[in-house]
Amino acid sequence: MQKIATKIFICASVLFGVLGIIMVLTNTDPGEGDTGLEKVIGKLFMVTVFVILSSFALSVAGKYLNGKS
């Protein structure tokens, strides 16, 4: 499970970086009369934040739980 969580963490981190670059290049600011595409990019950006946090927690928890089992 730790390997799966780590792979998800890596993929989500890369996607987070790509979406961040897209947001900077397209000058996307939240709440500024966004178009449909800008809203989708902003929501995907937030989704990657939550995926990164949860997969990181699972990866760390898996590391410590494997040592205690």
C-alpha atoms as a PDB file:
ATOM      1  CA  MET A   1       0.000   0.000   0.000  1.00  0.00           C
ATOM      2  CA  GLN A   2       2.892   2.330   0.704  1.00  0.00           C
ATOM      3  CA  LYS A   3       4.200   1.912  -2.854  1.00  0.00           C
ATOM      4  CA  ILE A   4       0.784   2.748  -4.315  1.00  0.00           C
ATOM      5  CA  ALA A   5       0.440   5.822  -2.095  1.00  0.00           C
ATOM      6  CA  THR A   6       3.945   6.945  -3.071  1.00  0.00           C
ATOM      7  CA  LYS A   7       3.191   6.557  -6.796  1.00  0.00           C
ATOM      8  CA  ILE A   8      -0.049   8.520  -6.394  1.00  0.00           C
ATOM      9  CA  PHE A   9       1.873  11.197  -4.461  1.00  0.00           C
ATOM     10  CA  ILE A  10       4.439  11.511  -7.251  1.00  0.00           C
ATOM     11  CA  CYS A  11       1.809  11.680 -10.018  1.00  0.00           C
ATOM     12  CA  ALA A  12      -0.279  14.224  -8.121  1.00  0.00           C
ATOM     13  CA  SER A  13       2.813  16.323  -7.427  1.00  0.00           C
ATOM     14  CA  VAL A  14       3.704  16.410 -11.121  1.00  0.00           C
ATOM     15  CA  LEU A  15       0.115  17.308 -12.036  1.00  0.00           C
ATOM     16  CA  PHE A  16       0.146  20.003  -9.333  1.00  0.00           C
ATOM     17  CA  GLY A  17       3.258  21.513 -10.891  1.00  0.00           C
ATOM     18  CA  VAL A  18       1.855  21.387 -14.421  1.00  0.00           C
ATOM     19  CA  LEU A  19      -1.447  22.965 -13.366  1.00  0.00           C
ATOM     20  CA  GLY A  20       0.436  25.628 -11.421  1.00  0.00           C
ATOM     21  CA  ILE A  21       2.480  26.507 -14.491  1.00  0.00           C
ATOM     22  CA  ILE A  22      -0.697  26.649 -16.607  1.00  0.00           C
ATOM     23  CA  MET A  23      -2.317  28.951 -14.040  1.00  0.00           C
ATOM     24  CA  VAL A  24       0.682  31.278 -14.101  1.00  0.00           C
ATOM     25  CA  LEU A  25       0.949  31.321 -17.898  1.00  0.00           C
ATOM     26  CA  THR A  26      -2.766  31.986 -18.401  1.00  0.00           C
ATOM     27  CA  ASN A  27      -2.838  34.544 -15.571  1.00  0.00           C
ATOM     28  CA  THR A  28      -5.617  32.705 -13.740  1.00  0.00           C
ATOM     29  CA  ASP A  29      -6.640  34.439 -10.538  1.00  0.00           C
ATOM     30  CA  PRO A  30      -9.391  32.936  -8.387  1.00  0.00           C
ATOM     31  CA  GLY A  31     -12.662  34.860  -8.262  1.00  0.00           C
ATOM     32  CA  GLU A  32     -11.900  37.215 -11.134  1.00  0.00           C
ATOM     33  CA  GLY A  33     -14.782  36.442 -13.507  1.00  0.00           C
ATOM     34  CA  ASP A  34     -13.272  33.139 -14.518  1.00  0.00           C
ATOM     35  CA  THR A  35     -14.195  31.415 -17.740  1.00  0.00           C
ATOM     36  CA  GLY A  36     -15.237  27.768 -17.699  1.00  0.00           C
ATOM     37  CA  LEU A  37     -11.732  26.511 -18.458  1.00  0.00           C
ATOM     38  CA  GLU A  38     -10.176  28.639 -15.732  1.00  0.00           C
ATOM     39  CA  LYS A  39     -12.682  27.297 -13.198  1.00  0.00           C
ATOM     40  CA  VAL A  40     -11.881  23.719 -14.200  1.00  0.00           C
ATOM     41  CA  ILE A  41      -8.138  24.339 -13.923  1.00  0.00           C
ATOM     42  CA  GLY A  42      -8.607  25.953 -10.502  1.00  0.00           C
ATOM     43  CA  LYS A  43     -10.710  23.048  -9.269  1.00  0.00           C
ATOM     44  CA  LEU A  44      -8.238  20.484 -10.598  1.00  0.00           C
ATOM     45  CA  PHE A  45      -5.482  22.417  -8.844  1.00  0.00           C
ATOM     46  CA  MET A  46      -7.338  22.157  -5.524  1.00  0.00           C
ATOM     47  CA  VAL A  47      -8.078  18.462  -6.093  1.00  0.00           C
ATOM     48  CA  THR A  48      -4.367  17.773  -6.551  1.00  0.00           C
ATOM     49  CA  VAL A  49      -3.649  19.522  -3.243  1.00  0.00           C
ATOM     50  CA  PHE A  50      -6.011  17.184  -1.392  1.00  0.00           C
ATOM     51  CA  VAL A  51      -4.698  14.111  -3.229  1.00  0.00           C
ATOM     52  CA  ILE A  52      -1.119  15.088  -2.391  1.00  0.00           C
ATOM     53  CA  LEU A  53      -1.935  15.589   1.283  1.00  0.00           C
ATOM     54  CA  SER A  54      -3.877  12.353   1.667  1.00  0.00           C
ATOM     55  CA  SER A  55      -1.404  10.201  -0.282  1.00  0.00           C
ATOM     56  CA  PHE A  56       1.487  11.675   1.694  1.00  0.00           C
ATOM     57  CA  ALA A  57      -0.298  10.835   4.934  1.00  0.00           C
ATOM     58  CA  LEU A  58      -0.971   7.280   3.718  1.00  0.00           C
ATOM     59  CA  SER A  59       2.630   6.860   2.647  1.00  0.00           C
ATOM     60  CA  VAL A  60       3.986   8.026   6.002  1.00  0.00           C
ATOM     61  CA  ALA A  61       1.417   5.999   7.941  1.00  0.00           C
ATOM     62  CA  GLY A  62       2.249   2.918   5.883  1.00  0.00           C
ATOM     63  CA  LYS A  63       5.930   3.339   6.632  1.00  0.00           C
ATOM     64  CA  TYR A  64       5.334   3.438  10.378  1.00  0.00           C
ATOM     65  CA  LEU A  65       2.640   0.750  10.396  1.00  0.00           C
ATOM     66  CA  ASN A  66       4.886  -1.686   8.510  1.00  0.00           C
ATOM     67  CA  GLY A  67       7.519  -1.286  11.200  1.00  0.00           C
ATOM     68  CA  LYS A  68       5.053  -1.953  14.040  1.00  0.00           C
ATOM     69  CA  SER A  69       3.213  -4.960  12.554  1.00  0.00           C
END
